Amino acid sequence: MAIFVPQNLSAAHVVTCVLILAIYVAWRNFKNYWTTPPFPPGPPPKLFIGNLCDFPTVQPWITYTRWKYQYGNIVYANAFGQHVVILNSLKAVIDLFEKRSQKYSDRPVLPMRDILGWKFVVGLMYYGDEWRKNRRILHQRYKPDAALAYRPIQMAKIHELLRNLLEDPSNFQEHYKYMAASIIMATVYGYESAPKEDPFIKNGDKAITMMTNAMFPGASVVNALPFLKYLPKWVPGSQFHRDAEECRALTRNMLDLPYEFVKDNMSNGRENSSLISELIEINEKEGGSTSGKEMIKGLGATSYSGTIIISTHYQWTFFYASAVNPEARRKAQEEIDRVIGGERLPDFNDRPSLPYVEAFYREVMRWRPAMPMGVAHSVTEDDIYEGYFIPKGATIMSNIWAMTRDLTKYPEPEAFRPERFLSPDGKLNNDDTILTFGFGRRLCIGRHAADSTIWATIVSVLAVFNFDLAKDIDGNAVSIEGIYTDALISHVLSFQCFITPRTVQARHLILEID
């Protein structure tokens, strides 16, 4: 049913629209009650508004995990007829997102995506020809063999990180953010980032932060009540319009400015070997269409935003885990010393010989998932799963937090234990799926590059640095609270830790980096 809302709504008009919609939803649900299987179990709805007041806005994955123990692995809720199904088990996710991917690969309608100017992101596109075309192009540049070409840049930037940590360890979080951004700027745009306050990185960071704070269901009321996007800016409750103006300007710069940098280099004959320069050449050979130009900008911004937010989260979590779990950190360092010694820095060729470091990496990825609720899917036709009715258009959410807290698979899930990924004889087990990278046809395109960056950072930093809790002016250890944000990408809030070179030889290795 199409709903048209006039631009000049008053408060009375809004109330009337809500009541009409609520009555329609109640009538439709009553009509379907006797003709379809039941919805999955879930919190009891309230008259007219359904579960509108039950959807959490603060760390929703915690509430949804609690619902798992109340209602099961498949939970249903709704608000004004918008159906939401929460999958709390890996089995349910695989059954639907992978085994029935033809039905479950769409994205739900999230008005904030378009309001903020983020409809260009391939991961947020609706399932269709545009998505297929964009994904195919990126897949060719990020598939496993193609991703190998990025390793020299990744390692060079990681070595630069080691120097920055040696010179200024207190700002480790900023160093990490810069490293992740500089890798993607170099590979995607052929751009060498400024050591500090780089304008491209600064602009992109602001745009990404605003987007992730507004995008997950429940973060903004307009996602639950889409017709509110027609409210004029002066109406109470429409602050999202004012925030969106700022975000759109930042996002437009993120799309345009790096692209123009590449174009300028190409026009002036300066060497620029990058993903964007390659795509520009292809587009110009095909006539240089405006649509092709905008698609290229979107592909570049997709690569940048997707990589930086995942990599930065896990790098900060790695520091947090290393500081508060010294025994696990020391075991990883002992393995590095035993396999590599102290005469050189580790590289990608060492990865198969370092099973405990690999287990450490997997535990970082499990312990605090970057996207605790994943990115929501949508079902394109009515479906029945385990005897429950899942209606066409329902928003399907994968509660990755609940999956990483599955007590049958991960006993004491809040403990940081790399050993859970090892067999008794110290070999890696087959639990190598990184849930944050997504599922089915929506699996993260850049996962191979992200995996390489995160692993190489972990092993390189562990090889040369020790971590400890920071001390106050009286010499007492300052505990780390480990508080994570409420956003699509949840990252740990700023904290302090004490970072020092492990040995004199480790210090020399860092200083001798070319």
Protein backbone atom coordinates (compact mmCIF):
# COMPACT_ATOMS: atom_id res chain seq x y z
CA MET A 1 0.00 0.00 0.00
CA ALA A 2 1.48 3.36 -1.02
CA ILE A 3 1.20 6.14 1.56
CA PHE A 4 1.46 9.73 0.38
CA VAL A 5 2.06 12.35 3.05
CA PRO A 6 1.82 16.07 2.22
CA GLN A 7 4.82 18.30 2.86
CA ASN A 8 3.04 20.76 5.19
CA LEU A 9 1.98 18.34 7.92
CA SER A 10 0.78 19.62 11.27
CA ALA A 11 0.99 17.63 14.50
CA ALA A 12 -2.72 16.75 14.13
CA HIS A 13 -2.08 15.43 10.64
CA VAL A 14 0.73 13.24 11.94
CA VAL A 15 -1.46 11.78 14.69
CA THR A 16 -4.24 11.10 12.18
CA CYS A 17 -1.83 9.35 9.80
CA VAL A 18 -0.50 7.17 12.63
CA LEU A 19 -4.02 6.16 13.72
CA ILE A 20 -5.11 5.30 10.17
CA LEU A 21 -1.98 3.25 9.65
CA ALA A 22 -2.42 1.46 12.98
CA ILE A 23 -6.05 0.55 12.20
CA TYR A 24 -5.06 -0.76 8.77
CA VAL A 25 -2.28 -2.89 10.26
CA ALA A 26 -4.56 -4.29 12.96
CA TRP A 27 -7.19 -5.19 10.33
CA ARG A 28 -4.63 -6.84 8.05
CA ASN A 29 -3.11 -8.86 10.88
CA PHE A 30 -6.54 -10.03 12.03
CA LYS A 31 -7.50 -11.00 8.48
CA ASN A 32 -4.31 -13.06 8.05
CA TYR A 33 -4.44 -14.66 11.48
CA TRP A 34 -6.61 -17.61 10.41
CA THR A 35 -5.06 -18.19 6.98
CA THR A 36 -1.31 -18.38 7.63
CA PRO A 37 1.04 -20.22 9.99
CA PRO A 38 1.96 -18.29 13.13
CA PHE A 39 4.71 -15.71 13.29
CA PRO A 40 7.77 -16.76 15.29
CA PRO A 41 7.46 -16.14 19.04
CA GLY A 42 8.39 -12.75 20.42
CA PRO A 43 7.49 -10.04 22.90
CA PRO A 44 3.74 -9.42 23.14
CA PRO A 45 2.65 -6.47 20.98
CA LYS A 46 0.68 -3.52 22.25
CA LEU A 47 -2.56 -2.32 20.68
CA PHE A 48 -2.04 -0.31 17.49
CA ILE A 49 1.74 0.26 17.86
CA GLY A 50 2.85 -3.36 18.12
CA ASN A 51 6.36 -3.64 19.57
CA LEU A 52 7.41 -0.08 18.78
CA CYS A 53 8.39 0.57 22.39
CA ASP A 54 10.20 -2.77 22.72
CA PHE A 55 12.86 -2.08 20.11
CA PRO A 56 16.01 -1.04 21.98
CA THR A 57 18.18 1.89 20.93
CA VAL A 58 21.05 1.14 23.33
CA GLN A 59 23.15 -1.89 22.38
CA PRO A 60 20.16 -3.71 20.87
CA TRP A 61 22.15 -6.94 20.50
CA ILE A 62 22.08 -7.35 24.28
CA THR A 63 18.28 -7.14 24.39
CA TYR A 64 17.91 -9.45 21.38
CA THR A 65 20.23 -12.00 22.99
CA ARG A 66 18.05 -11.91 26.10
CA TRP A 67 15.03 -12.48 23.87
CA LYS A 68 16.79 -15.59 22.54
CA TYR A 69 16.52 -17.20 25.97
CA GLN A 70 12.92 -16.05 26.33
CA TYR A 71 11.58 -16.87 22.88
CA GLY A 72 14.15 -18.94 20.97
CA ASN A 73 16.56 -18.66 18.06
CA ILE A 74 13.94 -17.02 15.81
CA VAL A 75 12.20 -14.00 17.32
CA TYR A 76 9.45 -11.87 15.77
CA ALA A 77 8.44 -8.29 16.51
CA ASN A 78 6.67 -5.54 14.58
CA ALA A 79 5.99 -1.82 14.66
CA PHE A 80 3.01 -0.44 12.73
CA GLY A 81 3.05 -3.46 10.46
CA GLN A 82 6.79 -3.43 9.78
CA HIS A 83 7.81 -7.02 10.42
CA VAL A 84 11.17 -7.77 12.04
CA VAL A 85 12.64 -11.25 12.48
CA ILE A 86 15.77 -11.66 14.58
CA LEU A 87 17.95 -14.71 13.95
CA ASN A 88 19.91 -15.63 17.08
CA SER A 89 21.69 -18.76 15.81
CA LEU A 90 24.22 -19.47 13.10
CA LYS A 91 22.10 -22.39 11.88
CA ALA A 92 19.12 -20.13 11.20
CA VAL A 93 21.33 -17.60 9.40
CA ILE A 94 22.88 -20.28 7.17
CA ASP A 95 19.47 -21.85 6.47
CA LEU A 96 17.99 -18.54 5.31
CA PHE A 97 20.80 -16.24 4.13
CA GLU A 98 22.79 -18.96 2.40
CA LYS A 99 20.55 -21.93 1.57
CA ARG A 100 17.65 -19.62 0.60
CA SER A 101 19.78 -16.70 -0.57
CA GLN A 102 17.58 -16.02 -3.61
CA LYS A 103 14.82 -14.90 -1.22
CA TYR A 104 16.91 -13.38 1.56
CA SER A 105 19.51 -11.18 -0.17
CA ASP A 106 17.61 -7.89 -0.36
CA ARG A 107 18.01 -4.95 2.01
CA PRO A 108 15.14 -3.42 3.97
CA VAL A 109 13.97 0.08 3.21
CA LEU A 110 15.94 2.32 5.56
CA PRO A 111 15.01 5.94 4.87
CA MET A 112 18.13 7.20 6.62
CA ARG A 113 20.28 5.60 3.92
CA ASP A 114 18.95 7.99 1.29
CA ILE A 115 18.43 10.93 3.64
CA LEU A 116 22.12 10.79 4.60
CA GLY A 117 23.25 10.36 1.00
CA TRP A 118 24.59 6.82 1.37
CA LYS A 119 22.64 4.92 -1.27
CA PHE A 120 25.86 4.51 -3.31
CA VAL A 121 27.27 1.91 -0.87
CA VAL A 122 27.21 -1.50 -2.54
CA GLY A 123 26.54 -3.28 0.75
CA LEU A 124 23.39 -1.19 1.32
CA MET A 125 22.01 -1.38 -2.23
CA TYR A 126 18.77 -3.20 -2.87
CA TYR A 127 19.07 -6.61 -4.50
CA GLY A 128 18.94 -6.13 -8.25
CA ASP A 129 20.84 -5.30 -11.42
CA GLU A 130 22.58 -2.19 -10.05
CA TRP A 131 23.86 -4.16 -7.06
CA ARG A 132 25.02 -7.03 -9.27
CA LYS A 133 26.95 -4.72 -11.59
CA ASN A 134 28.69 -2.85 -8.76
CA ARG A 135 29.47 -6.00 -6.80
CA ARG A 136 30.89 -7.75 -9.88
CA ILE A 137 33.33 -4.88 -10.49
CA LEU A 138 34.53 -4.85 -6.89
CA HIS A 139 34.73 -8.63 -6.71
CA GLN A 140 37.23 -8.65 -9.56
CA ARG A 141 39.45 -6.22 -7.62
CA TYR A 142 39.14 -7.85 -4.19
CA LYS A 143 38.98 -11.61 -4.84
CA PRO A 144 41.76 -13.63 -3.14
CA ASP A 145 44.37 -13.52 -5.92
CA ALA A 146 43.70 -9.83 -6.65
CA ALA A 147 43.95 -8.94 -2.94
CA LEU A 148 47.54 -10.25 -2.91
CA ALA A 149 48.58 -7.19 -4.91
CA TYR A 150 47.72 -4.94 -1.95
CA ARG A 151 50.07 -6.69 0.49
CA PRO A 152 53.18 -4.53 -0.14
CA ILE A 153 51.18 -1.38 0.64
CA GLN A 154 49.57 -3.02 3.66
CA MET A 155 52.92 -4.05 5.11
CA ALA A 156 54.54 -0.68 4.38
CA LYS A 157 51.75 1.15 6.23
CA ILE A 158 51.88 -1.33 9.12
CA HIS A 159 55.62 -0.69 9.45
CA GLU A 160 54.85 3.02 9.48
CA LEU A 161 52.41 2.30 12.30
CA LEU A 162 55.21 0.62 14.28
CA ARG A 163 57.35 3.75 13.95
CA ASN A 164 54.46 5.95 15.07
CA LEU A 165 53.81 3.74 18.08
CA LEU A 166 57.47 3.89 19.05
CA GLU A 167 57.56 7.70 18.80
CA ASP A 168 54.11 8.46 20.26
CA PRO A 169 52.53 5.41 21.95
CA SER A 170 49.86 7.38 23.83
CA ASN A 171 48.00 8.18 20.60
CA PHE A 172 47.82 4.57 19.44
CA GLN A 173 44.14 4.78 18.51
CA GLU A 174 44.73 7.68 16.15
CA HIS A 175 47.73 5.89 14.64
CA TYR A 176 45.55 2.88 13.94
CA LYS A 177 42.82 4.92 12.33
CA TYR A 178 45.35 6.70 10.15
CA MET A 179 46.98 3.41 9.13
CA ALA A 180 43.68 1.81 8.06
CA ALA A 181 42.69 4.92 6.12
CA SER A 182 46.08 5.38 4.47
CA ILE A 183 46.10 1.78 3.19
CA ILE A 184 42.78 2.18 1.44
CA MET A 185 43.59 5.67 0.15
CA ALA A 186 46.80 4.33 -1.40
CA THR A 187 45.24 1.23 -2.98
CA VAL A 188 41.96 2.78 -4.13
CA TYR A 189 43.10 6.29 -5.10
CA GLY A 190 46.90 6.12 -5.30
CA TYR A 191 46.93 8.87 -2.67
CA GLU A 192 49.65 9.25 -0.04
CA SER A 193 47.93 10.48 3.11
CA ALA A 194 49.34 13.29 5.22
CA PRO A 195 50.85 12.12 8.56
CA LYS A 196 48.27 14.11 10.53
CA GLU A 197 45.00 15.94 9.89
CA ASP A 198 44.70 14.66 6.34
CA PRO A 199 41.68 16.47 4.83
CA PHE A 200 40.35 13.42 2.96
CA ILE A 201 40.61 11.17 6.00
CA LYS A 202 39.18 13.79 8.36
CA ASN A 203 36.18 14.42 6.12
CA GLY A 204 35.53 10.71 5.56
CA ASP A 205 35.76 9.92 9.27
CA LYS A 206 33.05 12.49 10.10
CA ALA A 207 30.73 11.21 7.35
CA ILE A 208 31.18 7.57 8.35
CA THR A 209 30.59 8.31 12.03
CA MET A 210 27.32 10.12 11.30
CA MET A 211 26.17 7.31 9.02
CA THR A 212 26.92 4.44 11.40
CA ASN A 213 25.24 6.25 14.30
CA ALA A 214 21.99 6.53 12.33
CA MET A 215 21.79 3.43 10.16
CA PHE A 216 20.88 0.42 12.27
CA PRO A 217 17.16 -0.23 12.86
CA GLY A 218 16.05 1.51 16.04
CA ALA A 219 18.70 4.23 15.87
CA SER A 220 16.34 6.72 14.27
CA VAL A 221 12.57 6.90 14.57
CA VAL A 222 12.28 7.61 10.84
CA ASN A 223 13.59 4.09 10.15
CA ALA A 224 10.57 2.70 12.02
CA LEU A 225 8.10 5.31 10.72
CA PRO A 226 9.29 6.15 7.18
CA PHE A 227 6.55 8.72 6.52
CA LEU A 228 8.22 11.00 9.09
CA LYS A 229 10.83 11.87 6.45
CA TYR A 230 8.19 14.18 4.92
CA LEU A 231 8.01 16.30 8.07
CA PRO A 232 9.32 19.87 7.64
CA LYS A 233 12.52 20.72 9.47
CA TRP A 234 10.83 22.95 12.02
CA VAL A 235 8.56 20.20 13.42
CA PRO A 236 9.71 18.75 16.78
CA GLY A 237 11.31 15.35 16.24
CA SER A 238 12.78 16.17 12.84
CA GLN A 239 16.32 16.87 14.05
CA PHE A 240 17.41 14.08 11.70
CA HIS A 241 16.79 16.45 8.76
CA ARG A 242 19.27 18.97 10.14
CA ASP A 243 21.85 16.30 10.91
CA ALA A 244 21.37 14.84 7.43
CA GLU A 245 22.28 18.13 5.73
CA GLU A 246 25.70 18.06 7.37
CA CYS A 247 26.19 14.37 6.62
CA ARG A 248 25.22 14.79 2.95
CA ALA A 249 27.78 17.56 2.50
CA LEU A 250 30.53 15.47 4.09
CA THR A 251 29.52 12.43 2.06
CA ARG A 252 29.51 14.39 -1.18
CA ASN A 253 33.07 15.49 -0.46
CA MET A 254 34.04 11.88 0.29
CA LEU A 255 32.72 10.92 -3.14
CA ASP A 256 34.05 13.86 -5.15
CA LEU A 257 37.37 15.01 -3.74
CA PRO A 258 39.45 11.81 -3.97
CA TYR A 259 38.01 11.15 -7.43
CA GLU A 260 39.06 14.62 -8.59
CA PHE A 261 42.53 14.01 -7.15
CA VAL A 262 42.90 10.93 -9.38
CA LYS A 263 41.47 12.74 -12.41
CA ASP A 264 43.88 15.65 -11.91
CA ASN A 265 46.86 13.31 -11.72
CA MET A 266 45.79 11.54 -14.88
CA SER A 267 45.18 14.80 -16.76
CA ASN A 268 48.61 16.11 -15.82
CA GLY A 269 50.46 12.94 -16.71
CA ARG A 270 51.38 12.05 -13.12
CA GLU A 271 51.59 8.34 -12.43
CA ASN A 272 48.55 7.05 -10.58
CA SER A 273 48.15 3.30 -10.42
CA SER A 274 44.99 2.64 -8.46
CA LEU A 275 41.57 1.03 -8.59
CA ILE A 276 39.89 4.34 -9.44
CA SER A 277 42.32 5.29 -12.20
CA GLU A 278 41.72 1.89 -13.80
CA LEU A 279 37.96 2.34 -13.67
CA ILE A 280 38.19 5.91 -15.03
CA GLU A 281 40.16 4.67 -18.04
CA ILE A 282 37.56 1.98 -18.72
CA ASN A 283 34.69 4.48 -18.42
CA GLU A 284 36.35 6.98 -20.75
CA LYS A 285 36.98 4.31 -23.37
CA GLU A 286 33.25 3.54 -23.21
CA GLY A 287 32.27 7.19 -23.74
CA GLY A 288 32.77 8.70 -20.27
CA SER A 289 29.13 8.67 -19.15
CA THR A 290 28.01 10.68 -16.12
CA SER A 291 26.36 7.58 -14.65
CA GLY A 292 29.63 5.70 -15.03
CA LYS A 293 31.47 8.53 -13.30
CA GLU A 294 29.05 8.48 -10.35
CA MET A 295 29.29 4.70 -10.11
CA ILE A 296 33.10 4.92 -9.92
CA LYS A 297 32.86 7.50 -7.13
CA GLY A 298 30.51 5.20 -5.25
CA LEU A 299 32.79 2.19 -5.69
CA GLY A 300 35.72 4.18 -4.31
CA ALA A 301 33.75 5.43 -1.32
CA THR A 302 32.35 1.93 -0.71
CA SER A 303 35.90 0.53 -0.60
CA TYR A 304 37.07 3.29 1.71
CA SER A 305 34.20 3.28 4.19
CA GLY A 306 33.78 -0.49 4.37
CA THR A 307 37.45 -1.20 4.99
CA ILE A 308 38.25 1.58 7.43
CA ILE A 309 35.34 0.99 9.80
CA ILE A 310 35.93 -2.77 10.07
CA SER A 311 39.72 -2.58 10.30
CA THR A 312 39.73 0.27 12.82
CA HIS A 313 37.28 -1.50 15.11
CA TYR A 314 39.29 -4.69 15.27
CA GLN A 315 42.63 -2.95 15.66
CA TRP A 316 41.34 -1.02 18.67
CA THR A 317 39.82 -4.22 20.06
CA PHE A 318 43.18 -5.96 19.56
CA PHE A 319 44.91 -3.33 21.73
CA TYR A 320 42.20 -3.61 24.35
CA ALA A 321 42.40 -7.41 24.40
CA SER A 322 46.21 -7.38 24.56
CA ALA A 323 46.25 -4.96 27.48
CA VAL A 324 43.72 -6.84 29.63
CA ASN A 325 44.74 -10.40 28.69
CA PRO A 326 48.51 -10.50 29.26
CA GLU A 327 48.74 -14.29 29.41
CA ALA A 328 47.23 -14.76 25.93
CA ARG A 329 49.41 -11.96 24.58
CA ARG A 330 52.58 -13.54 26.00
CA LYS A 331 51.73 -16.93 24.49
CA ALA A 332 51.38 -15.32 21.06
CA GLN A 333 54.67 -13.49 21.51
CA GLU A 334 56.45 -16.65 22.59
CA GLU A 335 55.26 -18.38 19.42
CA ILE A 336 56.47 -15.47 17.28
CA ASP A 337 59.89 -15.59 18.98
CA ARG A 338 60.13 -19.34 18.57
CA VAL A 339 59.20 -19.32 14.87
CA ILE A 340 60.68 -16.04 13.65
CA GLY A 341 63.25 -15.04 16.24
CA GLY A 342 64.23 -11.46 16.93
CA GLU A 343 66.28 -10.74 13.82
CA ARG A 344 63.45 -9.63 11.54
CA LEU A 345 59.82 -8.56 11.49
CA PRO A 346 57.10 -11.09 10.59
CA ASP A 347 55.48 -11.12 7.16
CA PHE A 348 52.60 -12.85 5.39
CA ASN A 349 54.70 -15.93 4.63
CA ASP A 350 54.86 -16.69 8.36
CA ARG A 351 51.12 -17.03 8.80
CA PRO A 352 50.85 -20.85 8.34
CA SER A 353 53.60 -21.36 10.95
CA LEU A 354 51.84 -19.36 13.70
CA PRO A 355 48.72 -21.27 14.80
CA TYR A 356 48.43 -19.55 18.19
CA VAL A 357 48.68 -16.11 16.59
CA GLU A 358 45.97 -17.22 14.15
CA ALA A 359 43.82 -18.35 17.09
CA PHE A 360 44.50 -15.00 18.79
CA TYR A 361 43.29 -13.23 15.62
CA ARG A 362 40.12 -15.34 15.47
CA GLU A 363 39.37 -14.62 19.12
CA VAL A 364 39.76 -10.87 18.57
CA MET A 365 37.22 -11.16 15.74
CA ARG A 366 34.80 -13.21 17.90
CA TRP A 367 35.17 -11.52 21.28
CA ARG A 368 33.85 -8.10 20.28
CA PRO A 369 32.28 -8.31 16.81
CA ALA A 370 32.45 -5.06 14.84
CA MET A 371 28.84 -5.34 13.67
CA PRO A 372 26.98 -7.08 16.51
CA MET A 373 23.72 -7.04 14.50
CA GLY A 374 25.26 -7.44 11.05
CA VAL A 375 23.54 -5.57 8.24
CA ALA A 376 19.83 -6.34 8.00
CA HIS A 377 18.48 -8.42 5.12
CA SER A 378 14.97 -8.41 3.69
CA VAL A 379 12.90 -11.29 2.32
CA THR A 380 11.41 -10.84 -1.17
CA GLU A 381 8.50 -13.29 -0.84
CA ASP A 382 6.47 -15.00 1.85
CA ASP A 383 8.29 -17.94 3.40
CA ILE A 384 7.84 -20.66 5.99
CA TYR A 385 10.75 -21.62 8.23
CA GLU A 386 10.54 -24.22 10.98
CA GLY A 387 6.76 -23.91 10.92
CA TYR A 388 6.75 -20.13 11.29
CA PHE A 389 5.52 -17.55 8.80
CA ILE A 390 7.99 -14.93 7.56
CA PRO A 391 6.14 -12.35 5.47
CA LYS A 392 7.41 -10.71 2.30
CA GLY A 393 9.26 -7.48 3.04
CA ALA A 394 10.17 -8.44 6.60
CA THR A 395 13.46 -7.12 7.96
CA ILE A 396 15.68 -10.06 8.89
CA MET A 397 18.42 -9.30 11.41
CA SER A 398 21.37 -11.56 12.21
CA ASN A 399 22.30 -11.24 15.87
CA ILE A 400 26.02 -11.92 15.53
CA TRP A 401 26.51 -11.06 19.19
CA ALA A 402 24.25 -13.95 20.20
CA MET A 403 26.10 -16.31 17.83
CA THR A 404 29.46 -15.41 19.38
CA ARG A 405 27.91 -16.05 22.81
CA ASP A 406 26.58 -19.53 21.95
CA LEU A 407 27.38 -21.46 25.14
CA THR A 408 27.39 -24.81 23.32
CA LYS A 409 30.21 -23.58 21.09
CA TYR A 410 31.97 -20.93 23.17
CA PRO A 411 31.89 -21.73 26.91
CA GLU A 412 32.50 -18.63 29.04
CA PRO A 413 32.06 -16.42 25.99
CA GLU A 414 33.08 -13.18 27.71
CA ALA A 415 36.52 -14.61 28.45
CA PHE A 416 39.26 -13.96 25.87
CA ARG A 417 40.59 -17.44 25.09
CA PRO A 418 42.41 -18.07 21.80
CA GLU A 419 42.69 -21.73 22.83
CA ARG A 420 39.04 -22.26 21.89
CA PHE A 421 40.21 -22.26 18.25
CA LEU A 422 42.91 -24.91 18.85
CA SER A 423 42.78 -28.66 19.25
CA PRO A 424 44.49 -30.28 22.28
CA ASP A 425 47.64 -30.82 20.19
CA GLY A 426 47.85 -27.11 19.34
CA LYS A 427 46.54 -27.27 15.78
CA LEU A 428 43.87 -24.94 14.45
CA ASN A 429 40.32 -26.29 14.38
CA ASN A 430 37.91 -25.69 11.50
CA ASP A 431 36.08 -22.77 13.17
CA ASP A 432 37.43 -20.13 10.81
CA THR A 433 34.28 -18.21 9.83
CA ILE A 434 34.43 -14.49 10.62
CA LEU A 435 30.78 -13.66 11.23
CA THR A 436 31.23 -9.90 10.83
CA PHE A 437 32.00 -10.42 7.14
CA GLY A 438 28.37 -11.39 6.54
CA PHE A 439 26.59 -14.27 4.85
CA GLY A 440 25.37 -15.62 1.55
CA ARG A 441 25.29 -13.30 -1.43
CA ARG A 442 25.90 -10.35 0.88
CA LEU A 443 29.28 -11.61 2.06
CA CYS A 444 31.74 -8.71 2.42
CA ILE A 445 33.54 -8.10 -0.86
CA GLY A 446 36.71 -6.76 0.76
CA ARG A 447 37.02 -9.47 3.40
CA HIS A 448 40.31 -10.88 2.04
CA ALA A 449 42.03 -7.49 2.12
CA ALA A 450 40.59 -6.70 5.57
CA ASP A 451 41.65 -10.11 6.90
CA SER A 452 45.22 -9.54 5.68
CA THR A 453 45.45 -6.05 7.19
CA ILE A 454 44.12 -7.08 10.60
CA TRP A 455 46.22 -10.25 10.88
CA ALA A 456 49.42 -8.55 9.72
CA THR A 457 48.86 -5.70 12.18
CA ILE A 458 48.34 -8.10 15.08
CA VAL A 459 51.45 -10.19 14.40
CA SER A 460 53.66 -7.16 13.65
CA VAL A 461 52.68 -5.25 16.79
CA LEU A 462 52.93 -8.32 19.03
CA ALA A 463 56.40 -9.05 17.67
CA VAL A 464 57.90 -5.79 18.94
CA PHE A 465 55.67 -4.23 21.62
CA ASN A 466 54.50 -5.05 25.12
CA PHE A 467 51.25 -3.76 26.61
CA ASP A 468 50.30 -2.93 30.15
CA LEU A 469 47.66 -0.96 31.98
CA ALA A 470 48.36 2.75 32.26
CA LYS A 471 49.31 4.16 35.67
CA ASP A 472 47.86 7.17 37.49
CA ILE A 473 50.00 9.83 39.19
CA ASP A 474 50.30 7.60 42.28
CA GLY A 475 51.56 4.66 40.24
CA ASN A 476 48.33 2.65 40.48
CA ALA A 477 47.09 0.71 37.46
CA VAL A 478 44.16 2.32 35.64
CA SER A 479 41.64 -0.31 34.64
CA ILE A 480 40.10 -0.28 31.15
CA GLU A 481 36.30 -0.23 31.19
CA GLY A 482 35.98 -1.52 27.63
CA ILE A 483 32.74 0.34 26.82
CA TYR A 484 31.51 -0.05 23.24
CA THR A 485 29.35 2.37 21.27
CA ASP A 486 25.73 1.93 20.12
CA ALA A 487 26.02 2.04 16.35
CA LEU A 488 25.97 -0.11 13.25
CA ILE A 489 29.73 -0.41 13.79
CA SER A 490 30.31 -0.68 17.54
CA HIS A 491 33.80 0.33 18.63
CA VAL A 492 35.47 0.61 22.02
CA LEU A 493 35.58 4.06 23.55
CA SER A 494 38.95 5.71 23.98
CA PHE A 495 41.16 4.21 26.67
CA GLN A 496 44.75 4.38 27.84
CA CYS A 497 47.38 1.67 27.94
CA PHE A 498 51.15 1.57 28.37
CA ILE A 499 53.02 0.49 25.23
CA THR A 500 56.78 -0.16 25.19
CA PRO A 501 59.25 -1.99 22.91
CA ARG A 502 59.75 -5.58 24.06
CA THR A 503 63.52 -5.51 23.74
CA VAL A 504 66.39 -3.31 22.60
CA GLN A 505 66.56 -5.45 19.45
CA ALA A 506 62.83 -4.85 18.80
CA ARG A 507 63.47 -1.12 19.00
CA HIS A 508 66.31 -1.43 16.49
CA LEU A 509 64.12 -3.42 14.10
CA ILE A 510 61.56 -0.62 14.09
CA LEU A 511 64.15 2.11 13.59
CA GLU A 512 65.75 0.20 10.72
CA ILE A 513 62.53 -0.05 8.70
CA ASP A 514 63.04 1.49 5.26
